[in-house]
Amino acid sequence: MGLINYLKRNISISKNSAKQLLKNAIAHEERGETADAIACYHRVIKADESWAVPHYNLGLLYKYQCNWQLSYKHNKIAVELDKDDEAAIWNLGIAATALKDWKTARTSWSKFGVK
């Protein structure tokens, strides 16, 4: 029972750390400190690998930079972690279209009725 309690406590600490790091990443992004925001989002992901939000945020940030490969990568992960995340699906479609990955683009766009 001691190991289970230890793991539960550390998971809780990790998720709380991830939430605080996410707030920091968003603050950096809002101040236009893109490199710091990116670094912070990566720390969020390390703190909680199962959370779609930091992947989506990175994908969005990279979309604004027209860095289609990284936008695609992070939006794809966000969709894999949260299959109902319409914003990540939409942005995955945009990145896939930019990269001419027609299969992924078609799959993404079809969820919105686009043929």
Protein backbone atom coordinates (compact mmCIF):
# COMPACT_ATOMS: atom_id res chain seq x y z
CA MET A 1 0.00 0.00 0.00
CA GLY A 2 2.91 2.36 0.62
CA LEU A 3 4.03 2.23 -3.01
CA ILE A 4 0.52 2.97 -4.29
CA ASN A 5 0.18 6.01 -2.01
CA TYR A 6 3.64 7.20 -3.08
CA LEU A 7 2.72 6.89 -6.76
CA LYS A 8 -0.65 8.63 -6.28
CA ARG A 9 1.03 11.49 -4.44
CA ASN A 10 3.71 11.91 -7.12
CA ILE A 11 1.16 11.79 -9.93
CA SER A 12 -0.83 14.49 -8.16
CA ILE A 13 2.31 16.60 -7.68
CA SER A 14 3.23 16.10 -11.33
CA LYS A 15 -0.22 17.18 -12.55
CA ASN A 16 -0.17 20.24 -10.29
CA SER A 17 3.32 21.10 -11.57
CA ALA A 18 2.09 20.66 -15.13
CA LYS A 19 -0.83 23.03 -14.53
CA GLN A 20 1.48 25.69 -13.10
CA LEU A 21 3.96 25.23 -15.93
CA LEU A 22 1.12 25.58 -18.43
CA LYS A 23 0.13 28.90 -16.85
CA ASN A 24 3.76 30.02 -17.15
CA ALA A 25 3.94 28.92 -20.79
CA ILE A 26 0.77 30.83 -21.64
CA ALA A 27 2.10 33.93 -19.84
CA HIS A 28 5.33 33.75 -21.87
CA GLU A 29 3.32 33.37 -25.06
CA GLU A 30 1.09 36.34 -24.21
CA ARG A 31 4.19 38.49 -23.66
CA GLY A 32 5.56 37.43 -27.05
CA GLU A 33 8.34 35.36 -25.47
CA THR A 34 7.94 32.52 -27.95
CA ALA A 35 11.17 30.64 -27.21
CA ASP A 36 10.44 30.68 -23.48
CA ALA A 37 6.84 29.57 -24.12
CA ILE A 38 8.03 26.66 -26.27
CA ALA A 39 10.53 25.56 -23.63
CA CYS A 40 7.87 25.79 -20.95
CA TYR A 41 5.35 23.79 -23.00
CA HIS A 42 7.96 21.05 -23.36
CA ARG A 43 8.40 21.03 -19.58
CA VAL A 44 4.62 20.69 -19.21
CA ILE A 45 4.69 17.66 -21.51
CA LYS A 46 7.48 16.08 -19.47
CA ALA A 47 5.47 16.66 -16.29
CA ASP A 48 2.29 15.11 -17.76
CA GLU A 49 2.74 13.20 -21.00
CA SER A 50 -0.93 12.23 -21.17
CA TRP A 51 -2.27 15.80 -21.32
CA ALA A 52 -3.40 16.97 -24.77
CA VAL A 53 -3.53 20.70 -23.94
CA PRO A 54 0.21 21.51 -24.11
CA HIS A 55 0.50 19.61 -27.39
CA TYR A 56 -2.41 21.57 -28.82
CA ASN A 57 -0.93 24.86 -27.61
CA LEU A 58 2.44 24.01 -29.16
CA GLY A 59 0.74 22.96 -32.38
CA LEU A 60 -1.10 26.28 -32.49
CA LEU A 61 2.05 28.26 -31.75
CA TYR A 62 3.93 26.42 -34.50
CA LYS A 63 0.98 26.98 -36.88
CA TYR A 64 1.31 30.74 -36.35
CA GLN A 65 5.01 30.40 -37.24
CA CYS A 66 4.11 28.32 -40.34
CA ASN A 67 6.26 25.53 -38.92
CA TRP A 68 3.99 22.90 -40.42
CA GLN A 69 5.94 19.81 -39.42
CA LEU A 70 5.98 20.69 -35.72
CA SER A 71 2.39 21.94 -35.85
CA TYR A 72 1.38 18.63 -37.43
CA LYS A 73 3.35 16.61 -34.86
CA HIS A 74 1.86 18.30 -31.80
CA ASN A 75 -1.70 18.54 -33.11
CA LYS A 76 -1.56 14.87 -34.07
CA ILE A 77 -0.46 13.95 -30.55
CA ALA A 78 -3.19 16.21 -29.10
CA VAL A 79 -5.80 14.39 -31.21
CA GLU A 80 -4.42 10.99 -30.20
CA LEU A 81 -4.70 12.01 -26.53
CA ASP A 82 -8.12 13.65 -26.91
CA LYS A 83 -10.06 12.36 -29.91
CA ASP A 84 -12.84 14.92 -29.34
CA ASP A 85 -10.59 18.01 -29.42
CA GLU A 86 -12.12 19.77 -32.42
CA ALA A 87 -9.58 22.61 -32.36
CA ALA A 88 -6.67 20.15 -32.55
CA ILE A 89 -8.42 18.20 -35.32
CA TRP A 90 -8.96 21.44 -37.27
CA ASN A 91 -5.34 22.54 -36.85
CA LEU A 92 -4.11 19.06 -37.75
CA GLY A 93 -6.10 19.43 -40.96
CA ILE A 94 -4.45 22.77 -41.69
CA ALA A 95 -0.94 21.42 -41.05
CA ALA A 96 -1.63 18.23 -43.01
CA THR A 97 -2.90 20.31 -45.95
CA ALA A 98 0.21 22.51 -45.83
CA LEU A 99 2.37 19.36 -45.83
CA LYS A 100 0.28 17.75 -48.60
CA ASP A 101 -0.58 14.80 -46.35
CA TRP A 102 -3.90 14.37 -48.10
CA LYS A 103 -5.02 11.29 -46.18
CA THR A 104 -4.69 13.02 -42.79
CA ALA A 105 -6.12 16.26 -44.18
CA ARG A 106 -9.14 14.43 -45.61
CA THR A 107 -9.72 12.57 -42.33
CA SER A 108 -9.51 15.81 -40.34
CA TRP A 109 -11.71 17.87 -42.66
CA SER A 110 -14.33 15.13 -42.95
CA LYS A 111 -15.07 15.52 -39.25
CA PHE A 112 -16.35 19.00 -40.08
CA GLY A 113 -18.32 17.98 -43.16
CA VAL A 114 -15.68 19.24 -45.60
CA LYS A 115 -15.27 16.96 -48.60
